[in-house]
Protein backbone atom coordinates (compact mmCIF):
# COMPACT_ATOMS: atom_id res chain seq x y z
CA VAL A 1 104.08 -1.04 38.67
CA GLU A 2 103.34 -3.59 41.20
CA LEU A 3 100.15 -2.64 42.93
CA VAL A 4 99.09 -4.12 46.58
CA GLU A 5 95.22 -3.53 47.50
CA SER A 6 93.86 -3.27 51.34
CA GLY A 7 91.13 -2.93 52.99
CA GLY A 8 88.35 -5.18 51.78
CA GLY A 9 86.20 -6.35 54.26
CA LEU A 10 81.89 -7.79 55.06
CA VAL A 11 80.10 -5.01 56.83
CA GLN A 12 76.01 -4.10 56.24
CA ALA A 13 74.60 -1.98 54.57
CA GLY A 14 75.10 1.04 54.62
CA ALA A 15 77.91 1.13 56.53
CA SER A 16 81.53 2.63 54.39
CA LEU A 17 84.78 0.94 53.45
CA LYS A 18 88.36 2.25 52.42
CA LEU A 19 90.12 -0.14 49.45
CA SER A 20 93.84 1.23 49.30
CA CYS A 21 96.34 0.72 46.35
CA ALA A 22 99.60 0.56 47.34
CA ALA A 23 102.29 0.94 44.18
CA SER A 24 105.62 -0.28 44.21
CA ALA A 25 107.07 2.39 42.81
CA ARG A 26 106.94 6.26 42.67
CA THR A 27 106.55 6.35 39.66
CA PHE A 28 103.33 5.74 39.90
CA SER A 29 102.89 9.39 40.55
CA VAL A 30 103.20 9.81 36.83
CA TYR A 31 100.66 6.95 36.45
CA ASN A 32 96.43 7.27 35.90
CA GLY A 33 94.51 5.17 38.23
CA ALA A 34 91.54 3.28 38.46
CA TRP A 35 89.39 1.09 40.60
CA PHE A 36 87.72 -1.84 38.93
CA ARG A 37 85.21 -4.38 40.00
CA GLU A 38 83.69 -8.02 38.86
CA ILE A 39 80.84 -8.59 40.34
CA GLN A 40 80.30 -12.90 40.42
CA GLY A 41 79.43 -14.02 36.73
CA LYS A 42 80.19 -10.29 35.47
CA GLU A 43 82.26 -8.47 33.41
CA ARG A 44 84.82 -6.56 35.71
CA GLU A 45 83.21 -2.91 35.33
CA PHE A 46 84.87 0.23 35.97
CA VAL A 47 84.06 2.43 39.35
CA ALA A 48 85.84 4.89 39.58
CA GLY A 49 89.72 7.11 37.68
CA ILE A 50 91.43 9.65 38.30
CA SER A 51 93.97 11.05 36.55
CA TRP A 52 97.77 11.71 37.64
CA ASN A 53 97.62 14.62 39.00
CA VAL A 54 94.73 14.63 40.27
CA GLY A 55 93.65 17.58 38.14
CA ASN A 56 90.31 14.93 36.54
CA ILE A 57 88.57 12.53 37.97
CA TYR A 58 85.44 10.04 36.87
CA TYR A 59 83.20 7.89 38.20
CA SER A 60 80.31 5.01 37.24
CA ASP A 61 76.87 6.52 37.55
CA SER A 62 76.33 3.24 40.11
CA VAL A 63 78.72 4.71 42.38
CA LYS A 64 78.75 8.49 41.92
CA GLY A 65 78.03 11.00 44.94
CA ARG A 66 78.94 8.13 47.83
CA PHE A 67 82.60 6.60 46.59
CA THR A 68 85.39 8.80 46.73
CA ILE A 69 88.63 7.95 44.90
CA SER A 70 92.16 9.46 45.75
CA LYS A 71 96.05 9.09 44.90
CA ASP A 72 98.54 10.70 47.14
CA ASN A 73 101.64 10.15 44.99
CA ALA A 74 103.33 11.63 48.11
CA LYS A 75 102.85 8.06 49.14
CA SER A 76 102.01 6.50 46.01
CA THR A 77 99.10 4.64 47.20
CA LEU A 78 95.22 5.04 45.36
CA TYR A 79 92.21 4.90 47.29
CA LEU A 80 88.52 4.22 47.65
CA GLN A 81 86.70 5.82 49.82
CA MET A 82 82.93 3.95 49.39
CA ASN A 83 80.25 5.27 51.66
CA ASN A 84 76.25 4.06 51.95
CA LEU A 85 77.26 0.33 50.60
CA LYS A 86 74.30 -1.49 48.72
CA SER A 87 74.79 -5.25 48.22
CA GLU A 88 74.82 -4.82 45.08
CA ASP A 89 78.76 -2.90 45.93
CA THR A 90 79.72 -6.74 46.67
CA ALA A 91 82.34 -7.72 44.52
CA ILE A 92 86.08 -8.09 43.70
CA TYR A 93 87.67 -4.94 43.96
CA TYR A 94 90.32 -3.95 41.15
CA CYS A 95 92.90 -1.39 40.94
CA ALA A 96 94.89 -0.33 37.82
CA ALA A 97 97.51 1.82 36.76
CA SER A 98 97.72 3.31 33.21
CA ARG A 99 99.10 5.41 31.47
CA THR A 100 96.95 6.01 28.96
CA TYR A 101 93.69 8.13 29.31
CA ASP A 102 91.00 5.33 28.41
CA TYR A 103 89.38 5.45 31.72
CA ARG A 104 86.85 3.10 31.48
CA ASN A 105 88.06 0.89 29.43
CA ALA A 106 90.11 -2.19 31.24
CA ARG A 107 92.23 -3.19 28.50
CA THR A 108 93.91 0.05 28.87
CA TYR A 109 95.66 -0.85 31.86
CA THR A 110 98.80 -1.96 32.12
CA ASP A 111 99.22 -2.68 35.66
CA TRP A 112 96.26 -4.39 38.20
CA GLY A 113 96.48 -5.22 41.48
CA GLN A 114 95.54 -8.75 43.26
CA GLY A 115 92.38 -7.62 43.87
CA THR A 116 90.29 -7.64 47.63
CA GLN A 117 87.00 -8.68 48.27
CA VAL A 118 83.95 -6.70 49.88
CA THR A 119 80.88 -8.26 50.91
CA VAL A 120 77.84 -6.09 51.85
CA SER A 121 75.58 -7.63 53.66
CA SER A 122 71.80 -6.40 53.70
């Protein structure tokens, strides 16, 4: 499936942003979804993952309690609500889709969006 992210931007620390990831195909409903991020100079890291039926949700320790992943299968869209943003959240955020269940492993994802920049100023 083709994925297109939106919603990034420049905000101050403590603010909120909501990222969206629109999928091109209705078959997205049977895909597991995830958000990863790339901080400059570092490897792409797992942020949050959600199963195809929204039955299972996973977060990295660094965002747990601040970020919320959700999936609207009727709209073929994946979301990431980010609250209480910190300067260390500054990164390019990517959404991804997969039919496998190794949520935290970026190598298992077959489809990726182009990325959206999130910059948090302190």
